Amino acid sequence: MKLRFLLPLGAFVVMVIFLGIGLKLDPHEVPSPLIDKSAPSFTLAQLHEPQKTFSPTDMKGKVWLLNVWASWCASCRQEHVFFTEFARANPSVNLIGLNYKDEREAGMQWLARLGNPYLLSVSDTEGMAGLDWGVYGVPETFVIDKKGIVRHKQTGPVDLTILQTVIMPLIEKLNAEAQ
């Protein structure tokens, strides 16, 4: 008789524990299977010069950021202000944009209107490169080391605090490491 009441109570306690654990998780800290693995390869047309292409292999030997953005993304507009200031203050940082599932013309107009912090942007209109990088929403930002290994993924908009306390210290550390 007691077992009949204890079993539902035990199941309820387990559910409450899992709910409590889930509520403490940060939804921006989505683990990426790419961390400490080679950056996925792609070759895409540059946004402003479609006759030219870009591939992650072009950045071998350099620490760089890949920022996945779109003109239709409200959160991208939020973080764009920070990236624009960041690029102005840190001209030696290689910031590459991946214009995700967007029309080329819309992306170029957006950068013309809001400023262009990127060394260059590539156009991923179909979203296939983004899929290979595990992008499920924009914005997302990746830090890639000199050997082409993904070292960090930021899901959601980057702000000044994240740039100062996470991304820039990691870039400085990776730049200081020997090849």
N, C-alpha and C. Protein backbone atom coordinates (compact mmCIF):
# COMPACT_ATOMS: atom_id res chain seq x y z
N MET A 1 0.82 -1.20 0.00
CA MET A 1 0.00 0.00 0.00
C MET A 1 0.86 1.26 0.00
N LYS A 2 1.91 1.29 0.85
CA LYS A 2 2.79 2.45 0.90
C LYS A 2 3.53 2.64 -0.41
N LEU A 3 3.91 1.54 -1.06
CA LEU A 3 4.63 1.60 -2.33
C LEU A 3 3.80 2.31 -3.38
N ARG A 4 2.51 2.12 -3.34
CA ARG A 4 1.59 2.76 -4.29
C ARG A 4 1.67 4.28 -4.20
N PHE A 5 1.92 4.80 -3.03
CA PHE A 5 2.01 6.25 -2.84
C PHE A 5 3.46 6.76 -2.99
N LEU A 6 4.41 5.93 -2.66
CA LEU A 6 5.81 6.34 -2.72
C LEU A 6 6.32 6.45 -4.16
N LEU A 7 5.86 5.58 -5.03
CA LEU A 7 6.32 5.60 -6.42
C LEU A 7 5.97 6.92 -7.12
N PRO A 8 4.73 7.40 -7.07
CA PRO A 8 4.45 8.72 -7.69
C PRO A 8 5.19 9.86 -7.00
N LEU A 9 5.35 9.77 -5.69
CA LEU A 9 6.08 10.81 -4.96
C LEU A 9 7.54 10.82 -5.40
N GLY A 10 8.14 9.66 -5.54
CA GLY A 10 9.53 9.57 -6.01
C GLY A 10 9.68 10.13 -7.42
N ALA A 11 8.75 9.80 -8.30
CA ALA A 11 8.79 10.31 -9.68
C ALA A 11 8.66 11.84 -9.67
N PHE A 12 7.79 12.36 -8.80
CA PHE A 12 7.60 13.80 -8.71
C PHE A 12 8.89 14.48 -8.22
N VAL A 13 9.56 13.92 -7.24
CA VAL A 13 10.80 14.49 -6.71
C VAL A 13 11.88 14.51 -7.79
N VAL A 14 11.99 13.44 -8.56
CA VAL A 14 12.97 13.38 -9.64
C VAL A 14 12.67 14.46 -10.68
N MET A 15 11.40 14.64 -11.04
CA MET A 15 11.03 15.68 -12.01
C MET A 15 11.36 17.06 -11.49
N VAL A 16 11.14 17.32 -10.23
CA VAL A 16 11.45 18.63 -9.63
C VAL A 16 12.96 18.88 -9.67
N ILE A 17 13.75 17.85 -9.40
CA ILE A 17 15.21 18.00 -9.44
C ILE A 17 15.66 18.35 -10.85
N PHE A 18 15.16 17.63 -11.87
CA PHE A 18 15.53 17.93 -13.25
C PHE A 18 15.07 19.32 -13.67
N LEU A 19 13.90 19.73 -13.23
CA LEU A 19 13.40 21.07 -13.54
C LEU A 19 14.31 22.13 -12.91
N GLY A 20 14.71 21.89 -11.67
CA GLY A 20 15.60 22.83 -10.99
C GLY A 20 16.94 22.96 -11.69
N ILE A 21 17.49 21.84 -12.13
CA ILE A 21 18.75 21.87 -12.87
C ILE A 21 18.58 22.62 -14.18
N GLY A 22 17.50 22.35 -14.89
CA GLY A 22 17.23 23.01 -16.17
C GLY A 22 17.06 24.51 -16.03
N LEU A 23 16.45 24.96 -14.97
CA LEU A 23 16.24 26.39 -14.77
C LEU A 23 17.53 27.14 -14.47
N LYS A 24 18.55 26.43 -13.99
CA LYS A 24 19.82 27.08 -13.69
C LYS A 24 20.75 27.15 -14.90
N LEU A 25 20.40 26.48 -15.99
CA LEU A 25 21.25 26.50 -17.18
C LEU A 25 21.09 27.82 -17.92
N ASP A 26 22.19 28.30 -18.50
CA ASP A 26 22.17 29.52 -19.31
C ASP A 26 21.90 29.12 -20.75
N PRO A 27 20.79 29.59 -21.36
CA PRO A 27 20.48 29.19 -22.73
C PRO A 27 21.51 29.70 -23.74
N HIS A 28 22.34 30.67 -23.38
CA HIS A 28 23.37 31.18 -24.29
C HIS A 28 24.62 30.31 -24.28
N GLU A 29 24.70 29.40 -23.29
CA GLU A 29 25.86 28.53 -23.20
C GLU A 29 25.51 27.17 -23.79
N VAL A 30 25.25 27.16 -25.08
CA VAL A 30 24.94 25.92 -25.77
C VAL A 30 26.26 25.29 -26.19
N PRO A 31 26.56 24.11 -25.68
CA PRO A 31 27.84 23.50 -26.05
C PRO A 31 27.88 23.20 -27.55
N SER A 32 29.03 23.38 -28.13
CA SER A 32 29.19 23.11 -29.55
C SER A 32 30.10 21.91 -29.73
N PRO A 33 29.71 20.98 -30.59
CA PRO A 33 30.59 19.85 -30.87
C PRO A 33 31.85 20.27 -31.64
N LEU A 34 31.90 21.53 -32.10
CA LEU A 34 33.05 22.01 -32.86
C LEU A 34 34.22 22.44 -31.98
N ILE A 35 33.97 22.68 -30.71
CA ILE A 35 35.02 23.18 -29.83
C ILE A 35 36.19 22.19 -29.82
N ASP A 36 37.39 22.73 -30.05
CA ASP A 36 38.63 21.96 -30.11
C ASP A 36 38.72 21.04 -31.33
N LYS A 37 37.92 21.34 -32.34
CA LYS A 37 37.98 20.60 -33.61
C LYS A 37 38.26 21.58 -34.75
N SER A 38 38.70 21.06 -35.87
CA SER A 38 38.97 21.91 -37.04
C SER A 38 37.70 22.63 -37.49
N ALA A 39 37.88 23.89 -37.85
CA ALA A 39 36.76 24.68 -38.34
C ALA A 39 36.23 24.04 -39.63
N PRO A 40 34.92 23.92 -39.75
CA PRO A 40 34.35 23.36 -40.98
C PRO A 40 34.76 24.17 -42.21
N SER A 41 35.00 23.47 -43.27
CA SER A 41 35.44 24.12 -44.49
C SER A 41 34.25 24.61 -45.31
N PHE A 42 34.45 25.71 -45.99
CA PHE A 42 33.50 26.22 -46.98
C PHE A 42 34.27 27.13 -47.91
N THR A 43 33.72 27.36 -49.07
CA THR A 43 34.22 28.39 -49.97
C THR A 43 32.99 29.14 -50.44
N LEU A 44 32.92 30.41 -50.04
CA LEU A 44 31.75 31.23 -50.36
C LEU A 44 32.18 32.52 -51.03
N ALA A 45 31.27 33.06 -51.82
CA ALA A 45 31.51 34.35 -52.47
C ALA A 45 31.49 35.44 -51.42
N GLN A 46 32.39 36.41 -51.58
CA GLN A 46 32.40 37.55 -50.70
C GLN A 46 31.16 38.40 -50.97
N LEU A 47 30.63 38.99 -49.93
CA LEU A 47 29.41 39.77 -50.03
C LEU A 47 29.57 40.96 -50.97
N HIS A 48 30.64 41.73 -50.80
CA HIS A 48 30.82 42.95 -51.58
C HIS A 48 31.53 42.71 -52.92
N GLU A 49 32.26 41.62 -53.01
CA GLU A 49 32.96 41.29 -54.25
C GLU A 49 32.68 39.83 -54.59
N PRO A 50 31.50 39.55 -55.15
CA PRO A 50 31.10 38.16 -55.37
C PRO A 50 32.00 37.37 -56.32
N GLN A 51 32.83 38.05 -57.09
CA GLN A 51 33.78 37.34 -57.95
C GLN A 51 34.94 36.77 -57.14
N LYS A 52 35.11 37.22 -55.90
CA LYS A 52 36.14 36.71 -55.00
C LYS A 52 35.49 35.77 -53.98
N THR A 53 36.27 34.78 -53.55
CA THR A 53 35.76 33.84 -52.55
C THR A 53 36.59 33.93 -51.28
N PHE A 54 36.07 33.30 -50.25
CA PHE A 54 36.75 33.19 -48.97
C PHE A 54 36.54 31.79 -48.45
N SER A 55 37.57 31.27 -47.80
CA SER A 55 37.51 29.97 -47.14
C SER A 55 38.24 30.08 -45.81
N PRO A 56 37.83 29.34 -44.79
CA PRO A 56 38.57 29.37 -43.52
C PRO A 56 40.06 29.07 -43.67
N THR A 57 40.43 28.31 -44.68
CA THR A 57 41.86 28.03 -44.88
C THR A 57 42.63 29.30 -45.21
N ASP A 58 41.95 30.33 -45.71
CA ASP A 58 42.61 31.61 -45.98
C ASP A 58 43.13 32.27 -44.71
N MET A 59 42.63 31.85 -43.57
CA MET A 59 43.00 32.47 -42.29
C MET A 59 44.02 31.64 -41.51
N LYS A 60 44.52 30.55 -42.08
CA LYS A 60 45.52 29.73 -41.37
C LYS A 60 46.69 30.61 -40.95
N GLY A 61 47.14 30.40 -39.72
CA GLY A 61 48.23 31.20 -39.18
C GLY A 61 47.75 32.46 -38.48
N LYS A 62 46.44 32.69 -38.47
CA LYS A 62 45.87 33.89 -37.83
C LYS A 62 44.75 33.47 -36.87
N VAL A 63 44.63 34.20 -35.78
CA VAL A 63 43.48 34.06 -34.91
C VAL A 63 42.39 34.93 -35.51
N TRP A 64 41.16 34.40 -35.57
CA TRP A 64 40.08 35.18 -36.19
C TRP A 64 38.73 34.85 -35.58
N LEU A 65 37.80 35.74 -35.82
CA LEU A 65 36.42 35.57 -35.38
C LEU A 65 35.53 35.39 -36.60
N LEU A 66 34.58 34.49 -36.49
CA LEU A 66 33.53 34.36 -37.50
C LEU A 66 32.23 34.75 -36.83
N ASN A 67 31.64 35.85 -37.29
CA ASN A 67 30.37 36.32 -36.75
C ASN A 67 29.28 36.04 -37.77
N VAL A 68 28.31 35.21 -37.37
CA VAL A 68 27.19 34.85 -38.23
C VAL A 68 26.07 35.85 -37.96
N TRP A 69 25.64 36.55 -39.02
CA TRP A 69 24.66 37.63 -38.88
C TRP A 69 23.72 37.65 -40.07
N ALA A 70 22.64 38.43 -39.96
CA ALA A 70 21.69 38.62 -41.05
C ALA A 70 21.02 39.97 -40.90
N SER A 71 20.64 40.55 -42.02
CA SER A 71 19.99 41.87 -41.98
C SER A 71 18.61 41.81 -41.34
N TRP A 72 17.98 40.66 -41.36
CA TRP A 72 16.63 40.50 -40.80
C TRP A 72 16.64 40.17 -39.31
N CYS A 73 17.82 40.09 -38.71
CA CYS A 73 17.98 39.65 -37.33
C CYS A 73 18.07 40.84 -36.37
N ALA A 74 17.08 40.95 -35.48
CA ALA A 74 17.05 42.06 -34.52
C ALA A 74 18.22 41.98 -33.53
N SER A 75 18.57 40.78 -33.07
CA SER A 75 19.68 40.63 -32.13
C SER A 75 21.02 40.98 -32.78
N CYS A 76 21.11 40.75 -34.10
CA CYS A 76 22.34 41.10 -34.82
C CYS A 76 22.53 42.62 -34.81
N ARG A 77 21.45 43.34 -34.91
CA ARG A 77 21.51 44.80 -34.86
C ARG A 77 22.03 45.25 -33.49
N GLN A 78 21.57 44.58 -32.43
CA GLN A 78 22.02 44.90 -31.07
C GLN A 78 23.53 44.74 -30.95
N GLU A 79 24.05 43.59 -31.40
CA GLU A 79 25.47 43.33 -31.22
C GLU A 79 26.33 44.09 -32.22
N HIS A 80 25.75 44.51 -33.32
CA HIS A 80 26.51 45.18 -34.38
C HIS A 80 27.20 46.45 -33.86
N VAL A 81 26.54 47.16 -32.99
CA VAL A 81 27.12 48.36 -32.39
C VAL A 81 28.41 48.01 -31.66
N PHE A 82 28.39 46.91 -30.92
CA PHE A 82 29.57 46.49 -30.16
C PHE A 82 30.69 46.03 -31.09
N PHE A 83 30.34 45.28 -32.14
CA PHE A 83 31.36 44.83 -33.08
C PHE A 83 31.98 46.00 -33.85
N THR A 84 31.18 47.00 -34.17
CA THR A 84 31.70 48.16 -34.87
C THR A 84 32.73 48.89 -34.01
N GLU A 85 32.41 49.10 -32.75
CA GLU A 85 33.34 49.76 -31.83
C GLU A 85 34.55 48.86 -31.57
N PHE A 86 34.31 47.57 -31.39
CA PHE A 86 35.39 46.61 -31.16
C PHE A 86 36.38 46.62 -32.33
N ALA A 87 35.89 46.61 -33.56
CA ALA A 87 36.76 46.60 -34.74
C ALA A 87 37.55 47.91 -34.83
N ARG A 88 36.92 49.00 -34.48
CA ARG A 88 37.60 50.31 -34.51
C ARG A 88 38.72 50.35 -33.47
N ALA A 89 38.47 49.79 -32.29
CA ALA A 89 39.45 49.82 -31.21
C ALA A 89 40.52 48.73 -31.34
N ASN A 90 40.23 47.69 -32.12
CA ASN A 90 41.15 46.55 -32.27
C ASN A 90 41.34 46.21 -33.74
N PRO A 91 41.97 47.10 -34.49
CA PRO A 91 42.08 46.88 -35.94
C PRO A 91 42.88 45.64 -36.33
N SER A 92 43.66 45.10 -35.41
CA SER A 92 44.46 43.91 -35.73
C SER A 92 43.66 42.61 -35.59
N VAL A 93 42.46 42.68 -35.01
CA VAL A 93 41.63 41.48 -34.87
C VAL A 93 40.93 41.20 -36.20
N ASN A 94 41.04 39.97 -36.65
CA ASN A 94 40.44 39.54 -37.92
C ASN A 94 38.99 39.12 -37.69
N LEU A 95 38.07 39.99 -38.05
CA LEU A 95 36.65 39.75 -37.88
C LEU A 95 36.02 39.49 -39.25
N ILE A 96 35.55 38.27 -39.44
CA ILE A 96 34.92 37.86 -40.69
C ILE A 96 33.43 37.70 -40.44
N GLY A 97 32.62 38.22 -41.35
CA GLY A 97 31.18 38.08 -41.24
C GLY A 97 30.66 36.98 -42.16
N LEU A 98 29.68 36.24 -41.67
CA LEU A 98 28.99 35.26 -42.50
C LEU A 98 27.53 35.70 -42.56
N ASN A 99 27.14 36.28 -43.68
CA ASN A 99 25.78 36.76 -43.88
C ASN A 99 24.91 35.54 -44.16
N TYR A 100 24.07 35.19 -43.19
CA TYR A 100 23.37 33.91 -43.13
C TYR A 100 21.92 34.00 -43.62
N LYS A 101 21.60 33.17 -44.61
CA LYS A 101 20.23 33.06 -45.13
C LYS A 101 19.63 34.44 -45.40
N ASP A 102 20.38 35.23 -46.13
CA ASP A 102 20.00 36.62 -46.38
C ASP A 102 20.23 36.93 -47.86
N GLU A 103 19.52 37.88 -48.37
CA GLU A 103 19.76 38.35 -49.74
C GLU A 103 21.01 39.22 -49.75
N ARG A 104 21.85 39.01 -50.72
CA ARG A 104 23.11 39.76 -50.82
C ARG A 104 22.86 41.26 -50.74
N GLU A 105 21.92 41.76 -51.50
CA GLU A 105 21.64 43.20 -51.54
C GLU A 105 21.20 43.72 -50.16
N ALA A 106 20.38 42.95 -49.46
CA ALA A 106 19.91 43.36 -48.13
C ALA A 106 21.09 43.43 -47.15
N GLY A 107 22.00 42.46 -47.23
CA GLY A 107 23.17 42.47 -46.37
C GLY A 107 24.07 43.66 -46.63
N MET A 108 24.29 43.96 -47.90
CA MET A 108 25.15 45.11 -48.25
C MET A 108 24.51 46.42 -47.81
N GLN A 109 23.20 46.56 -47.98
CA GLN A 109 22.52 47.78 -47.55
C GLN A 109 22.59 47.93 -46.04
N TRP A 110 22.44 46.83 -45.33
CA TRP A 110 22.48 46.86 -43.87
C TRP A 110 23.85 47.34 -43.39
N LEU A 111 24.93 46.82 -43.99
CA LEU A 111 26.28 47.25 -43.61
C LEU A 111 26.55 48.70 -44.02
N ALA A 112 26.01 49.11 -45.16
CA ALA A 112 26.20 50.51 -45.59
C ALA A 112 25.51 51.46 -44.62
N ARG A 113 24.37 51.05 -44.12
CA ARG A 113 23.60 51.90 -43.20
C ARG A 113 24.17 51.91 -41.79
N LEU A 114 24.59 50.73 -41.28
CA LEU A 114 25.00 50.61 -39.88
C LEU A 114 26.52 50.62 -39.67
N GLY A 115 27.28 50.55 -40.75
CA GLY A 115 28.73 50.47 -40.64
C GLY A 115 29.19 49.04 -40.85
N ASN A 116 30.42 48.91 -41.32
CA ASN A 116 30.94 47.59 -41.63
C ASN A 116 32.19 47.30 -40.80
N PRO A 117 32.04 46.51 -39.72
CA PRO A 117 33.19 46.21 -38.87
C PRO A 117 34.06 45.07 -39.40
N TYR A 118 33.63 44.42 -40.47
CA TYR A 118 34.27 43.18 -40.92
C TYR A 118 35.44 43.43 -41.87
N LEU A 119 36.45 42.58 -41.74
CA LEU A 119 37.52 42.53 -42.71
C LEU A 119 36.90 42.18 -44.07
N LEU A 120 35.98 41.24 -44.04
CA LEU A 120 35.14 40.89 -45.19
C LEU A 120 33.97 40.07 -44.69
N SER A 121 32.92 40.02 -45.49
CA SER A 121 31.78 39.16 -45.21
C SER A 121 31.57 38.25 -46.40
N VAL A 122 31.07 37.06 -46.11
CA VAL A 122 30.71 36.13 -47.17
C VAL A 122 29.21 35.93 -47.15
N SER A 123 28.68 35.50 -48.28
CA SER A 123 27.25 35.33 -48.44
C SER A 123 26.88 33.85 -48.42
N ASP A 124 26.09 33.47 -47.43
CA ASP A 124 25.61 32.10 -47.29
C ASP A 124 24.09 32.10 -47.44
N THR A 125 23.63 32.41 -48.64
CA THR A 125 22.19 32.60 -48.87
C THR A 125 21.37 31.35 -48.59
N GLU A 126 21.93 30.19 -48.85
CA GLU A 126 21.19 28.93 -48.62
C GLU A 126 21.37 28.40 -47.20
N GLY A 127 22.34 28.92 -46.48
CA GLY A 127 22.57 28.49 -45.10
C GLY A 127 23.32 27.19 -44.95
N MET A 128 23.91 26.69 -46.02
CA MET A 128 24.61 25.41 -45.94
C MET A 128 25.90 25.49 -45.12
N ALA A 129 26.68 26.57 -45.27
CA ALA A 129 27.89 26.72 -44.46
C ALA A 129 27.51 26.87 -42.99
N GLY A 130 26.49 27.66 -42.73
CA GLY A 130 26.01 27.81 -41.36
C GLY A 130 25.60 26.49 -40.75
N LEU A 131 24.97 25.65 -41.54
CA LEU A 131 24.56 24.33 -41.07
C LEU A 131 25.78 23.51 -40.66
N ASP A 132 26.84 23.55 -41.48
CA ASP A 132 28.07 22.83 -41.16
C ASP A 132 28.71 23.34 -39.87
N TRP A 133 28.53 24.62 -39.58
CA TRP A 133 29.08 25.21 -38.36
C TRP A 133 28.16 25.01 -37.16
N GLY A 134 27.03 24.37 -37.36
CA GLY A 134 26.11 24.12 -36.25
C GLY A 134 25.28 25.31 -35.87
N VAL A 135 25.11 26.25 -36.79
CA VAL A 135 24.31 27.44 -36.52
C VAL A 135 22.84 27.05 -36.53
N TYR A 136 22.15 27.39 -35.48
CA TYR A 136 20.71 27.16 -35.45
C TYR A 136 19.94 28.46 -35.27
N GLY A 137 20.64 29.55 -35.10
CA GLY A 137 20.03 30.86 -34.98
C GLY A 137 21.12 31.92 -35.03
N VAL A 138 20.76 33.09 -35.44
CA VAL A 138 21.73 34.18 -35.48
C VAL A 138 21.38 35.18 -34.39
N PRO A 139 22.38 35.86 -33.87
CA PRO A 139 23.79 35.79 -34.19
C PRO A 139 24.50 34.68 -33.41
N GLU A 140 25.59 34.24 -33.98
CA GLU A 140 26.52 33.33 -33.32
C GLU A 140 27.92 33.77 -33.71
N THR A 141 28.86 33.62 -32.79
CA THR A 141 30.23 34.06 -33.03
C THR A 141 31.19 32.97 -32.59
N PHE A 142 32.18 32.71 -33.44
CA PHE A 142 33.17 31.68 -33.18
C PHE A 142 34.56 32.31 -33.12
N VAL A 143 35.40 31.80 -32.22
CA VAL A 143 36.81 32.19 -32.17
C VAL A 143 37.61 31.00 -32.69
N ILE A 144 38.45 31.26 -33.70
CA ILE A 144 39.24 30.21 -34.34
C ILE A 144 40.72 30.54 -34.16
N ASP A 145 41.51 29.55 -33.79
CA ASP A 145 42.94 29.79 -33.54
C ASP A 145 43.77 29.72 -34.82
N LYS A 146 45.09 29.89 -34.67
CA LYS A 146 46.01 29.95 -35.79
C LYS A 146 46.06 28.65 -36.60
N LYS A 147 45.72 27.54 -35.97
CA LYS A 147 45.74 26.24 -36.66
C LYS A 147 44.39 25.90 -37.29
N GLY A 148 43.42 26.80 -37.15
CA GLY A 148 42.10 26.54 -37.72
C GLY A 148 41.20 25.72 -36.81
N ILE A 149 41.48 25.75 -35.51
CA ILE A 149 40.69 25.01 -34.52
C ILE A 149 39.71 25.97 -33.85
N VAL A 150 38.45 25.56 -33.76
CA VAL A 150 37.42 26.37 -33.10
C VAL A 150 37.67 26.30 -31.60
N ARG A 151 37.83 27.45 -30.97
CA ARG A 151 38.14 27.50 -29.53
C ARG A 151 37.00 28.03 -28.68
N HIS A 152 36.03 28.70 -29.30
CA HIS A 152 34.91 29.25 -28.53
C HIS A 152 33.73 29.50 -29.45
N LYS A 153 32.54 29.29 -28.91
CA LYS A 153 31.31 29.63 -29.63
C LYS A 153 30.44 30.45 -28.69
N GLN A 154 30.02 31.61 -29.18
CA GLN A 154 29.11 32.47 -28.43
C GLN A 154 27.76 32.40 -29.14
N THR A 155 26.78 31.87 -28.46
CA THR A 155 25.43 31.81 -29.01
C THR A 155 24.68 33.04 -28.52
N GLY A 156 24.02 33.72 -29.44
CA GLY A 156 23.29 34.93 -29.09
C GLY A 156 24.16 36.15 -29.25
N PRO A 157 23.59 37.32 -29.00
CA PRO A 157 24.32 38.56 -29.25
C PRO A 157 25.51 38.76 -28.31
N VAL A 158 26.59 39.26 -28.89
CA VAL A 158 27.77 39.64 -28.13
C VAL A 158 27.55 41.05 -27.61
N ASP A 159 27.99 41.30 -26.38
CA ASP A 159 27.91 42.65 -25.84
C ASP A 159 29.32 43.04 -25.35
N LEU A 160 29.40 44.23 -24.80
CA LEU A 160 30.70 44.75 -24.36
C LEU A 160 31.33 43.85 -23.30
N THR A 161 30.53 43.37 -22.36
CA THR A 161 31.06 42.51 -21.30
C THR A 161 31.65 41.23 -21.88
N ILE A 162 30.94 40.59 -22.79
CA ILE A 162 31.43 39.35 -23.40
C ILE A 162 32.71 39.63 -24.19
N LEU A 163 32.73 40.73 -24.93
CA LEU A 163 33.94 41.09 -25.69
C LEU A 163 35.13 41.29 -24.77
N GLN A 164 34.92 41.99 -23.64
CA GLN A 164 36.03 42.33 -22.75
C GLN A 164 36.45 41.18 -21.85
N THR A 165 35.51 40.34 -21.43
CA THR A 165 35.85 39.32 -20.44
C THR A 165 36.04 37.92 -21.02
N VAL A 166 35.53 37.67 -22.22
CA VAL A 166 35.62 36.33 -22.80
C VAL A 166 36.42 36.35 -24.10
N ILE A 167 35.95 37.10 -25.07
CA ILE A 167 36.51 37.02 -26.42
C ILE A 167 37.90 37.64 -26.52
N MET A 168 38.08 38.87 -26.05
CA MET A 168 39.38 39.51 -26.19
C MET A 168 40.47 38.80 -25.40
N PRO A 169 40.23 38.39 -24.14
CA PRO A 169 41.27 37.63 -23.44
C PRO A 169 41.64 36.32 -24.18
N LEU A 170 40.65 35.67 -24.76
CA LEU A 170 40.93 34.44 -25.50
C LEU A 170 41.75 34.74 -26.75
N ILE A 171 41.41 35.80 -27.47
CA ILE A 171 42.18 36.19 -28.66
C ILE A 171 43.63 36.50 -28.26
N GLU A 172 43.81 37.25 -27.18
CA GLU A 172 45.17 37.59 -26.73
C GLU A 172 45.96 36.33 -26.36
N LYS A 173 45.31 35.41 -25.68
CA LYS A 173 45.96 34.15 -25.30
C LYS A 173 46.34 33.36 -26.55
N LEU A 174 45.43 33.24 -27.48
CA LEU A 174 45.70 32.45 -28.70
C LEU A 174 46.78 33.12 -29.56
N ASN A 175 46.81 34.44 -29.59
CA ASN A 175 47.85 35.15 -30.36
C ASN A 175 49.21 34.97 -29.72
N ALA A 176 49.25 34.82 -28.40
CA ALA A 176 50.52 34.67 -27.69
C ALA A 176 51.09 33.26 -27.81
N GLU A 177 50.23 32.30 -28.11
CA GLU A 177 50.68 30.91 -28.25
C GLU A 177 51.52 30.74 -29.49
N ALA A 178 52.54 29.91 -29.38
CA ALA A 178 53.39 29.62 -30.54
C ALA A 178 52.61 28.77 -31.53
N GLN A 179 52.93 28.92 -32.77
CA GLN A 179 52.27 28.18 -33.86
C GLN A 179 52.48 26.71 -33.70
